[in-house]
C-alpha atoms as a PDB file:
ATOM      1  CA  MET A   1      57.141 -91.499-181.185  1.00  0.00           C
ATOM      2  CA  PRO A   2      56.328 -88.049-181.366  1.00  0.00           C
ATOM      3  CA  ILE A   3      57.202 -87.490-184.990  1.00  0.00           C
ATOM      4  CA  MET A   4      56.453 -91.070-186.353  1.00  0.00           C
ATOM      5  CA  ASP A   5      55.450 -94.184-185.108  1.00  0.00           C
ATOM      6  CA  GLY A   6      57.270 -97.278-185.033  1.00  0.00           C
ATOM      7  CA  PHE A   7      56.048 -98.279-188.994  1.00  0.00           C
ATOM      8  CA  LYS A   8      56.923 -95.336-190.715  1.00  0.00           C
ATOM      9  CA  ALA A   9      60.346 -95.026-188.277  1.00  0.00           C
ATOM     10  CA  THR A  10      61.362 -98.848-189.775  1.00  0.00           C
ATOM     11  CA  LYS A  11      60.029 -98.054-193.314  1.00  0.00           C
ATOM     12  CA  LYS A  12      62.696 -94.802-193.346  1.00  0.00           C
ATOM     13  CA  ILE A  13      65.659 -97.021-191.387  1.00  0.00           C
ATOM     14  CA  LYS A  14      65.062 -99.912-193.978  1.00  0.00           C
ATOM     15  CA  ASP A  15      64.946 -97.554-197.237  1.00  0.00           C
ATOM     16  CA  TYR A  16      67.886 -95.704-195.983  1.00  0.00           C
ATOM     17  CA  PHE A  17      69.840 -99.167-196.042  1.00  0.00           C
ATOM     18  CA  SER A  18      68.515-100.066-199.342  1.00  0.00           C
ATOM     19  CA  SER A  19      69.773 -96.962-201.341  1.00  0.00           C
ATOM     20  CA  SER A  20      71.924 -97.683-203.862  1.00  0.00           C
ATOM     21  CA  ASN A  21      75.262 -95.897-202.889  1.00  0.00           C
ATOM     22  CA  ILE A  22      75.966 -98.061-199.781  1.00  0.00           C
ATOM     23  CA  PHE A  23      76.929-101.716-199.561  1.00  0.00           C
ATOM     24  CA  VAL A  24      74.672-103.604-197.104  1.00  0.00           C
ATOM     25  CA  GLY A  25      75.860-106.342-194.726  1.00  0.00           C
ATOM     26  CA  GLY A  26      72.922-108.821-193.356  1.00  0.00           C
ATOM     27  CA  GLY A  27      71.575-108.705-189.826  1.00  0.00           C
ATOM     28  CA  CYS A  28      72.992-110.282-186.863  1.00  0.00           C
ATOM     29  CA  ASN A  29      73.267-113.619-189.001  1.00  0.00           C
ATOM     30  CA  SER A  30      75.146-112.050-191.374  1.00  0.00           C
ATOM     31  CA  ASP A  31      78.156-113.269-192.936  1.00  0.00           C
ATOM     32  CA  PHE A  32      79.179-110.189-194.226  1.00  0.00           C
ATOM     33  CA  GLU A  33      82.269-108.573-192.783  1.00  0.00           C
ATOM     34  CA  ASP A  34      82.917-104.852-192.676  1.00  0.00           C
ATOM     35  CA  ASP A  35      85.271-104.212-195.199  1.00  0.00           C
ATOM     36  CA  GLY A  36      86.677-100.802-194.021  1.00  0.00           C
ATOM     37  CA  SER A  37      85.019 -99.086-196.653  1.00  0.00           C
ATOM     38  CA  GLU A  38      83.018 -95.921-195.542  1.00  0.00           C
ATOM     39  CA  ASN A  39      80.133 -97.208-197.919  1.00  0.00           C
ATOM     40  CA  PHE A  40      79.826-100.326-195.670  1.00  0.00           C
ATOM     41  CA  LYS A  41      76.810 -99.936-193.638  1.00  0.00           C
ATOM     42  CA  GLN A  42      75.459-102.903-191.446  1.00  0.00           C
ATOM     43  CA  VAL A  43      71.505-102.779-191.196  1.00  0.00           C
ATOM     44  CA  PRO A  44      70.094-102.957-188.200  1.00  0.00           C
ATOM     45  CA  VAL A  45      67.933-105.628-186.916  1.00  0.00           C
ATOM     46  CA  ILE A  46      64.388-104.163-185.663  1.00  0.00           C
ATOM     47  CA  VAL A  47      61.846-105.827-183.696  1.00  0.00           C
ATOM     48  CA  ALA A  48      58.357-104.383-183.256  1.00  0.00           C
ATOM     49  CA  LEU A  49      57.094-104.979-179.542  1.00  0.00           C
ATOM     50  CA  SER A  50      53.235-104.606-179.194  1.00  0.00           C
ATOM     51  CA  ALA A  51      51.442-104.113-175.908  1.00  0.00           C
ATOM     52  CA  SER A  52      48.638-105.827-176.918  1.00  0.00           C
ATOM     53  CA  GLU A  53      48.512-109.707-178.942  1.00  0.00           C
ATOM     54  CA  LEU A  54      49.672-109.358-182.659  1.00  0.00           C
ATOM     55  CA  ASP A  55      46.858-110.507-184.822  1.00  0.00           C
ATOM     56  CA  SER A  56      47.500-111.300-188.642  1.00  0.00           C
ATOM     57  CA  GLN A  57      46.546-107.842-190.034  1.00  0.00           C
ATOM     58  CA  LEU A  58      49.455-105.784-187.586  1.00  0.00           C
ATOM     59  CA  ILE A  59      52.113-109.117-188.576  1.00  0.00           C
ATOM     60  CA  GLU A  60      51.626-108.320-192.472  1.00  0.00           C
ATOM     61  CA  GLN A  61      51.763-104.495-191.478  1.00  0.00           C
ATOM     62  CA  CYS A  62      55.268-105.307-189.605  1.00  0.00           C
ATOM     63  CA  ARG A  63      56.045-107.224-192.769  1.00  0.00           C
ATOM     64  CA  GLU A  64      55.489-104.555-195.557  1.00  0.00           C
ATOM     65  CA  CYS A  65      57.246-102.016-193.710  1.00  0.00           C
ATOM     66  CA  GLY A  66      60.702-103.808-192.846  1.00  0.00           C
ATOM     67  CA  PHE A  67      60.424-105.551-189.132  1.00  0.00           C
ATOM     68  CA  ASP A  68      62.841-108.228-189.275  1.00  0.00           C
ATOM     69  CA  ASP A  69      60.461-109.784-186.319  1.00  0.00           C
ATOM     70  CA  TRP A  70      57.648-108.789-183.796  1.00  0.00           C
ATOM     71  CA  MET A  71      56.951-109.519-180.121  1.00  0.00           C
ATOM     72  CA  SER A  72      53.777-109.049-177.724  1.00  0.00           C
ATOM     73  CA  SER A  73      54.563-108.004-174.166  1.00  0.00           C
ATOM     74  CA  PRO A  74      55.142-108.599-171.730  1.00  0.00           C
ATOM     75  CA  LEU A  75      58.748-109.076-173.037  1.00  0.00           C
ATOM     76  CA  ASN A  76      60.270-112.719-172.998  1.00  0.00           C
ATOM     77  CA  CYS A  77      63.987-112.311-172.539  1.00  0.00           C
ATOM     78  CA  GLN A  78      64.768-115.883-173.536  1.00  0.00           C
ATOM     79  CA  LEU A  79      62.483-115.425-176.546  1.00  0.00           C
ATOM     80  CA  LEU A  80      64.350-112.229-177.670  1.00  0.00           C
ATOM     81  CA  LYS A  81      67.723-114.227-177.169  1.00  0.00           C
ATOM     82  CA  GLN A  82      66.661-116.418-180.158  1.00  0.00           C
END
């Protein structure tokens, strides 16, 4: 990404959704439903995709930035659906 990398972008997105002036619903497995309020925001699920094998240091960096999951390419569509 020309302006910021995926770690910074994910951190900014997660920080936005954790601000105190909005109600935050969970990700794709959430029991929350949109109540019609303009303050309701559905938290996006963010999955990191790496061109190389993910080592423990990279996985920890993904966790710290707020990624919901991570995968190495080539992308396995069946694994992504899970």
